[in-house]
């Protein structure tokens, strides 16, 4: 049973990542026309640059080859710096983080490579 479980798990993770990567939007596109994407579900993929979390909440920045965008986590914690991920969430053109308002994605799903 274990011999079958490992390859099956690998295939499931690979398919989830491919599904997340199929229709990703570049960070540059999101930041260039934030009104177009505000309130909509979007997908991005890239590398985690900075990460902070506590008690299941947190935030992290994702960098692709076009830019960097913060992602807010409202449950489940934040990934480690350097992780390669795909994220699906709601794009918010203006979201208050402490004393700053920035464009962010509020995470719904995450796939780690």
Protein backbone atom coordinates (compact mmCIF):
# COMPACT_ATOMS: atom_id res chain seq x y z
CA UNK A 1 0.00 0.00 0.00
CA UNK A 2 2.83 2.43 0.83
CA UNK A 3 4.48 1.76 -2.52
CA UNK A 4 1.34 3.02 -4.24
CA UNK A 5 0.68 5.90 -1.84
CA UNK A 6 3.94 7.80 -2.46
CA UNK A 7 3.68 7.95 -6.27
CA UNK A 8 -0.02 8.77 -6.01
CA UNK A 9 0.69 11.62 -3.58
CA UNK A 10 3.42 12.95 -5.88
CA UNK A 11 1.05 12.90 -8.88
CA UNK A 12 -1.69 14.68 -6.90
CA UNK A 13 0.69 17.43 -5.74
CA UNK A 14 2.08 17.83 -9.27
CA UNK A 15 -1.41 18.09 -10.76
CA UNK A 16 -2.46 20.63 -8.12
CA UNK A 17 0.56 22.76 -8.92
CA UNK A 18 -0.03 22.54 -12.66
CA UNK A 19 -3.66 23.51 -12.15
CA UNK A 20 -2.57 26.49 -10.06
CA UNK A 21 0.04 27.50 -12.66
CA UNK A 22 -2.25 27.16 -15.69
CA UNK A 23 -3.98 30.49 -15.38
CA UNK A 24 -1.64 32.62 -13.31
CA UNK A 25 -1.63 36.38 -13.66
CA UNK A 26 1.66 38.23 -13.54
CA UNK A 27 2.16 40.54 -10.58
CA UNK A 28 2.97 43.35 -13.02
CA UNK A 29 -0.47 42.93 -14.64
CA UNK A 30 -2.20 43.11 -11.24
CA UNK A 31 -0.32 46.23 -10.17
CA UNK A 32 -0.58 47.94 -13.57
CA UNK A 33 -4.39 47.77 -13.64
CA UNK A 34 -5.58 47.13 -10.06
CA UNK A 35 -9.15 48.28 -10.73
CA UNK A 36 -9.61 45.53 -13.32
CA UNK A 37 -8.77 42.82 -10.78
CA UNK A 38 -10.12 44.36 -7.54
CA UNK A 39 -12.38 41.88 -5.72
CA UNK A 40 -11.69 39.12 -8.24
CA UNK A 41 -10.11 35.71 -7.66
CA UNK A 42 -6.62 35.58 -9.15
CA UNK A 43 -3.69 33.16 -9.19
CA UNK A 44 -0.02 34.02 -8.95
CA UNK A 45 3.11 31.90 -8.70
CA UNK A 46 6.58 32.74 -7.45
CA UNK A 47 9.02 32.66 -4.56
CA UNK A 48 8.30 33.78 -1.00
CA UNK A 49 10.52 36.77 -0.15
CA UNK A 50 9.46 37.74 3.37
CA UNK A 51 7.15 35.96 5.75
CA UNK A 52 5.61 36.63 9.14
CA UNK A 53 2.92 34.74 11.01
CA UNK A 54 1.47 33.94 14.40
CA UNK A 55 -1.54 32.00 15.65
CA UNK A 56 -2.66 30.98 12.16
CA UNK A 57 -2.57 34.49 10.70
CA UNK A 58 0.19 36.11 8.74
CA UNK A 59 1.49 37.74 5.61
CA UNK A 60 4.19 37.09 3.07
CA UNK A 61 5.49 38.56 -0.17
CA UNK A 62 5.55 36.64 -3.44
CA UNK A 63 8.01 37.61 -6.14
CA UNK A 64 7.65 36.51 -9.75
CA UNK A 65 9.79 37.70 -12.65
CA UNK A 66 7.62 40.85 -12.99
CA UNK A 67 7.27 42.16 -9.42
CA UNK A 68 6.45 41.55 -5.76
CA UNK A 69 3.04 41.44 -4.07
CA UNK A 70 1.99 40.87 -0.43
CA UNK A 71 -0.33 37.99 0.41
CA UNK A 72 -2.44 38.02 3.58
CA UNK A 73 -3.24 34.73 5.33
CA UNK A 74 -6.35 34.63 7.50
CA UNK A 75 -5.82 31.06 8.69
CA UNK A 76 -3.18 28.36 8.43
CA UNK A 77 0.01 30.39 8.82
CA UNK A 78 2.51 31.75 6.31
CA UNK A 79 5.02 29.74 4.23
CA UNK A 80 8.78 29.91 4.76
CA UNK A 81 11.01 32.38 2.98
CA UNK A 82 12.39 30.89 -0.24
CA UNK A 83 9.46 28.53 -0.81
CA UNK A 84 8.23 28.26 -4.42
CA UNK A 85 4.45 28.53 -4.34
CA UNK A 86 1.26 29.05 -6.28
CA UNK A 87 -1.44 31.15 -4.62
CA UNK A 88 -5.12 31.64 -5.35
CA UNK A 89 -6.98 34.42 -3.59
CA UNK A 90 -8.99 37.60 -3.79
CA UNK A 91 -7.09 40.61 -5.12
CA UNK A 92 -7.66 43.79 -3.13
CA UNK A 93 -6.49 47.04 -4.73
CA UNK A 94 -6.33 48.72 -1.31
CA UNK A 95 -5.89 46.74 1.91
CA UNK A 96 -4.68 48.24 5.17
CA UNK A 97 -1.69 46.49 6.72
CA UNK A 98 -0.86 48.30 9.94
CA UNK A 99 -0.48 51.93 8.89
CA UNK A 100 -0.07 51.29 5.14
CA UNK A 101 -2.60 50.70 2.39
CA UNK A 102 -1.36 48.41 -0.37
CA UNK A 103 -2.61 46.10 -3.05
CA UNK A 104 -2.65 42.53 -1.70
CA UNK A 105 -4.05 39.08 -2.30
CA UNK A 106 -6.13 37.54 0.48
CA UNK A 107 -5.16 33.87 0.27
CA UNK A 108 -7.75 31.13 -0.31
CA UNK A 109 -5.48 28.29 -1.48
CA UNK A 110 -1.75 27.67 -1.63
CA UNK A 111 0.35 25.03 -3.38
CA UNK A 112 4.01 24.63 -2.42
CA UNK A 113 6.52 23.14 -4.87
